[in-house]
Amino acid sequence: MSSLLKVSSLTKKYGNVTALNNLNFELESGHITGLLGPNGSGKTTLIKIICGLLQPTLGSVTVKDHPIGEESKKVISYLPDTTYLGRSASVRETINFFCDFYKDFDADRAYDMLSSLGINPNSRLRTLSKGNREKVQLILVMSRRADLYVLDEPIAGVDPAARDYILNTIITNYDENASILISTHLISDIENILDEVIFLKQGDIVRFCGVDEIRSNEGKSVDSLFREVFKC
């Protein structure tokens, strides 16, 4: 597999505070990677740099050999950890907006997922529960035919009964040559879909390895190893 995302000597500082410290790693196509760490470890900062929302202090990030910018944004589908959709629009109007804005948006895929979740596309976003608004936002992100999906806490606001469906939605609605970078605190809920994990601690990568390697070499689940590495 070819390298899809390359992070080189990446450092981000906020004044005297170092949020990311000289990160170096690559993600290949066709992988689902968990970006895991406690609050304040730098996960969202890293995600925002990859998506072009923050500028690094030092170092670089490339996606398909393109620096972060117009070309990289064409192939990244990003789910932030906060809701950004206008509440006055209907779900259908929002889908139409995404169709106009993204050439790779698949409206049929979006409507199929809405139907599976029992969400009426004619509903106004303001009438939906917080959980259903988050589901709509995830559906919009996964309905793009992107090369890299960057998901920041995609199941944090979803009820436990819907999490399995949401995770199945994630893994069945992206092309096999695409990759997913997913950040979450709900490790036990997602570890079965992960190929590899990055443990981020106070801006440093302390572990980057395959999930099978953890199970075979450590004899532990990802969740158990995470608790050991990051225990208070």
Protein backbone atom coordinates (compact mmCIF):
# COMPACT_ATOMS: atom_id res chain seq x y z
CA MET A 1 0.00 0.00 0.00
CA SER A 2 1.15 3.55 -0.71
CA SER A 3 1.59 6.29 1.87
CA LEU A 4 -1.51 8.45 2.06
CA LEU A 5 -0.66 10.79 4.94
CA LYS A 6 2.87 11.80 5.92
CA VAL A 7 3.65 13.83 9.04
CA SER A 8 7.24 15.08 9.24
CA SER A 9 8.90 16.80 12.22
CA LEU A 10 5.55 18.33 13.14
CA THR A 11 5.57 20.73 16.07
CA LYS A 12 2.81 23.03 17.26
CA LYS A 13 3.31 25.58 20.03
CA TYR A 14 0.87 27.94 21.68
CA GLY A 15 3.21 30.51 23.22
CA ASN A 16 5.39 28.58 25.65
CA VAL A 17 3.15 25.51 25.57
CA THR A 18 4.09 22.69 23.18
CA ALA A 19 0.94 20.93 21.99
CA LEU A 20 2.73 18.65 19.48
CA ASN A 21 6.39 17.75 19.76
CA ASN A 22 8.29 16.71 16.61
CA LEU A 23 5.81 14.09 15.35
CA ASN A 24 6.84 11.74 12.56
CA PHE A 25 4.56 9.04 11.12
CA GLU A 26 2.88 7.85 7.95
CA LEU A 27 -0.54 6.33 7.29
CA GLU A 28 -1.06 3.98 4.39
CA SER A 29 -4.14 3.64 2.23
CA GLY A 30 -6.71 1.05 3.27
CA HIS A 31 -6.21 1.32 7.04
CA ILE A 32 -8.35 2.37 9.99
CA THR A 33 -6.15 4.10 12.56
CA GLY A 34 -7.15 5.03 16.09
CA LEU A 35 -5.73 8.30 17.43
CA LEU A 36 -5.88 7.75 21.17
CA GLY A 37 -4.86 9.78 24.18
CA PRO A 38 -6.25 11.58 27.24
CA ASN A 39 -7.62 15.10 27.17
CA GLY A 40 -4.91 17.62 26.38
CA SER A 41 -2.69 15.12 24.56
CA GLY A 42 -2.86 17.04 21.26
CA LYS A 43 -5.28 14.87 19.28
CA THR A 44 -7.59 17.66 18.11
CA THR A 45 -4.64 19.95 17.38
CA LEU A 46 -3.13 17.27 15.14
CA ILE A 47 -6.46 16.69 13.40
CA LYS A 48 -6.96 20.41 12.77
CA ILE A 49 -3.49 20.71 11.24
CA ILE A 50 -4.17 17.73 8.95
CA CYS A 51 -7.44 19.35 7.88
CA GLY A 52 -5.88 22.76 7.29
CA LEU A 53 -7.58 24.54 10.19
CA LEU A 54 -4.35 25.26 12.08
CA GLN A 55 -0.84 26.05 10.91
CA PRO A 56 2.10 24.10 12.38
CA THR A 57 4.90 25.91 14.14
CA LEU A 58 7.47 23.62 12.51
CA GLY A 59 7.40 20.63 10.19
CA SER A 60 5.01 19.56 7.48
CA VAL A 61 2.03 17.38 6.60
CA THR A 62 1.28 16.00 3.14
CA VAL A 63 -1.73 14.06 1.84
CA LYS A 64 -1.14 12.09 -1.35
CA ASP A 65 2.11 14.07 -1.68
CA HIS A 66 0.19 17.38 -1.62
CA PRO A 67 0.91 19.95 1.12
CA ILE A 68 -2.07 20.88 3.23
CA GLY A 69 -4.17 23.27 1.15
CA GLU A 70 -6.70 23.23 -1.64
CA GLU A 71 -5.63 19.89 -3.14
CA SER A 72 -5.47 18.04 0.18
CA LYS A 73 -8.88 19.33 1.26
CA LYS A 74 -10.42 17.81 -1.85
CA VAL A 75 -9.60 14.32 -0.62
CA ILE A 76 -10.19 14.72 3.14
CA SER A 77 -13.64 14.33 4.69
CA TYR A 78 -13.60 15.79 8.20
CA LEU A 79 -15.95 15.28 11.13
CA PRO A 80 -15.22 17.80 13.91
CA ASP A 81 -16.00 17.16 17.56
CA THR A 82 -18.64 19.90 17.58
CA THR A 83 -21.80 20.39 15.55
CA TYR A 84 -21.44 23.00 12.81
CA LEU A 85 -24.64 22.54 10.80
CA GLY A 86 -27.18 25.35 10.61
CA ARG A 87 -30.19 24.37 12.71
CA SER A 88 -32.78 26.16 10.55
CA ALA A 89 -32.15 24.03 7.44
CA SER A 90 -33.77 20.69 6.76
CA VAL A 91 -31.73 17.52 6.41
CA ARG A 92 -32.58 17.46 2.69
CA GLU A 93 -31.44 21.07 2.22
CA THR A 94 -28.19 20.24 3.96
CA ILE A 95 -27.63 17.27 1.64
CA ASN A 96 -28.28 19.53 -1.36
CA PHE A 97 -25.69 21.98 -0.01
CA PHE A 98 -23.11 19.20 0.32
CA CYS A 99 -23.91 18.03 -3.23
CA ASP A 100 -23.18 21.54 -4.50
CA PHE A 101 -20.04 21.96 -2.41
CA TYR A 102 -18.35 18.56 -2.81
CA LYS A 103 -17.96 16.90 -6.20
CA ASP A 104 -17.42 13.52 -4.53
CA PHE A 105 -20.63 13.62 -2.46
CA ASP A 106 -22.94 10.62 -2.97
CA ALA A 107 -26.51 11.69 -2.18
CA ASP A 108 -27.92 8.18 -2.67
CA ARG A 109 -25.56 6.88 -0.02
CA ALA A 110 -26.69 9.63 2.36
CA TYR A 111 -30.38 8.90 1.88
CA ASP A 112 -29.81 5.16 2.36
CA MET A 113 -28.11 5.79 5.71
CA LEU A 114 -30.83 8.22 6.79
CA SER A 115 -33.45 5.61 5.99
CA SER A 116 -31.59 2.94 7.97
CA LEU A 117 -31.49 5.24 11.00
CA GLY A 118 -35.12 6.26 10.63
CA ILE A 119 -34.32 9.96 10.16
CA ASN A 120 -36.78 11.92 8.01
CA PRO A 121 -34.84 13.98 5.42
CA ASN A 122 -37.58 16.64 5.54
CA SER A 123 -37.00 17.25 9.26
CA ARG A 124 -35.49 20.54 10.33
CA LEU A 125 -32.20 20.05 12.14
CA ARG A 126 -33.45 22.08 15.09
CA THR A 127 -36.24 19.52 15.66
CA LEU A 128 -33.80 16.59 15.90
CA SER A 129 -32.26 15.36 19.13
CA LYS A 130 -28.58 16.08 19.73
CA GLY A 131 -27.76 12.45 18.98
CA ASN A 132 -29.65 12.48 15.68
CA ARG A 133 -27.99 15.73 14.60
CA GLU A 134 -24.63 14.09 15.23
CA LYS A 135 -25.74 11.07 13.19
CA VAL A 136 -26.71 13.36 10.32
CA GLN A 137 -23.33 15.05 10.49
CA LEU A 138 -21.56 11.67 10.38
CA ILE A 139 -23.73 10.56 7.44
CA LEU A 140 -22.75 13.69 5.52
CA VAL A 141 -19.06 13.06 6.15
CA MET A 142 -19.22 9.36 5.22
CA SER A 143 -21.24 10.08 2.05
CA ARG A 144 -18.23 11.66 0.39
CA ARG A 145 -16.00 9.45 -1.79
CA ALA A 146 -12.91 10.72 -0.01
CA ASP A 147 -9.42 9.24 0.30
CA LEU A 148 -9.02 10.12 3.98
CA TYR A 149 -11.79 10.36 6.57
CA VAL A 150 -10.78 12.22 9.72
CA LEU A 151 -13.29 11.63 12.52
CA ASP A 152 -12.99 13.45 15.84
CA GLU A 153 -15.13 11.71 18.49
CA PRO A 154 -17.74 10.32 16.05
CA ILE A 155 -19.68 8.30 18.64
CA ALA A 156 -19.30 10.46 21.75
CA GLY A 157 -22.86 11.81 21.61
CA VAL A 158 -24.52 8.65 20.31
CA ASP A 159 -26.47 6.36 22.62
CA PRO A 160 -24.87 2.94 23.27
CA ALA A 161 -27.63 1.10 21.39
CA ALA A 162 -26.76 2.99 18.19
CA ARG A 163 -22.98 2.74 18.43
CA ASP A 164 -22.70 -0.63 16.72
CA TYR A 165 -24.75 0.66 13.82
CA ILE A 166 -22.70 3.85 13.62
CA LEU A 167 -19.44 1.88 13.58
CA ASN A 168 -20.85 -0.44 10.93
CA THR A 169 -21.84 2.67 8.95
CA ILE A 170 -18.27 3.91 9.16
CA ILE A 171 -16.59 0.69 8.03
CA THR A 172 -19.07 -0.14 5.25
CA ASN A 173 -19.26 3.31 3.68
CA TYR A 174 -15.73 4.02 2.62
CA ASP A 175 -13.75 2.63 -0.29
CA GLU A 176 -11.18 -0.07 0.46
CA ASN A 177 -8.33 2.13 -0.77
CA ALA A 178 -9.35 5.00 1.52
CA SER A 179 -8.23 5.37 5.13
CA ILE A 180 -9.86 6.50 8.34
CA LEU A 181 -8.19 8.36 11.21
CA ILE A 182 -10.52 8.20 14.19
CA SER A 183 -10.09 9.90 17.55
CA THR A 184 -12.16 8.73 20.52
CA HIS A 185 -12.16 8.07 24.24
CA LEU A 186 -14.53 5.11 23.81
CA ILE A 187 -11.74 2.69 22.97
CA SER A 188 -13.49 -0.55 23.89
CA ASP A 189 -16.33 0.36 21.52
CA ILE A 190 -14.12 0.86 18.47
CA GLU A 191 -11.05 -1.32 18.89
CA ASN A 192 -12.55 -4.19 16.90
CA ILE A 193 -12.61 -2.04 13.75
CA LEU A 194 -9.06 -0.67 14.14
CA ASP A 195 -6.03 -1.86 12.17
CA GLU A 196 -3.50 0.22 14.09
CA VAL A 197 -3.30 2.78 16.88
CA ILE A 198 -1.36 5.92 17.71
CA PHE A 199 -1.02 6.68 21.42
CA LEU A 200 -0.47 10.40 21.90
CA LYS A 201 0.68 11.69 25.29
CA GLN A 202 1.37 15.36 26.01
CA GLY A 203 2.15 15.98 22.36
CA ASP A 204 4.44 12.96 21.88
CA ILE A 205 3.75 9.66 20.13
CA VAL A 206 4.44 6.98 22.75
CA ARG A 207 3.14 4.04 20.71
CA PHE A 208 2.33 3.48 17.03
CA CYS A 209 1.65 -0.14 16.15
CA GLY A 210 -0.85 -2.62 14.76
CA VAL A 211 -3.74 -3.86 16.88
CA ASP A 212 -2.81 -7.50 16.16
CA GLU A 213 0.72 -6.76 17.39
CA ILE A 214 -0.66 -5.50 20.70
CA ARG A 215 -2.80 -8.59 21.15
CA SER A 216 -0.06 -11.06 20.20
CA ASN A 217 2.96 -9.39 21.83
CA GLU A 218 1.30 -7.79 24.85
CA GLY A 219 -1.52 -10.28 25.36
CA LYS A 220 -3.87 -7.36 25.99
CA SER A 221 -6.69 -5.48 24.37
CA VAL A 222 -6.09 -1.97 23.08
CA ASP A 223 -8.27 -0.64 25.89
CA SER A 224 -6.25 -2.48 28.55
CA LEU A 225 -2.94 -1.27 27.14
CA PHE A 226 -4.27 2.28 26.93
CA ARG A 227 -5.28 2.19 30.60
CA GLU A 228 -1.81 0.91 31.51
CA VAL A 229 0.09 3.52 29.47
CA PHE A 230 -2.07 6.43 30.59
CA LYS A 231 -2.90 5.44 34.16
CA CYS A 232 -3.01 8.35 36.59
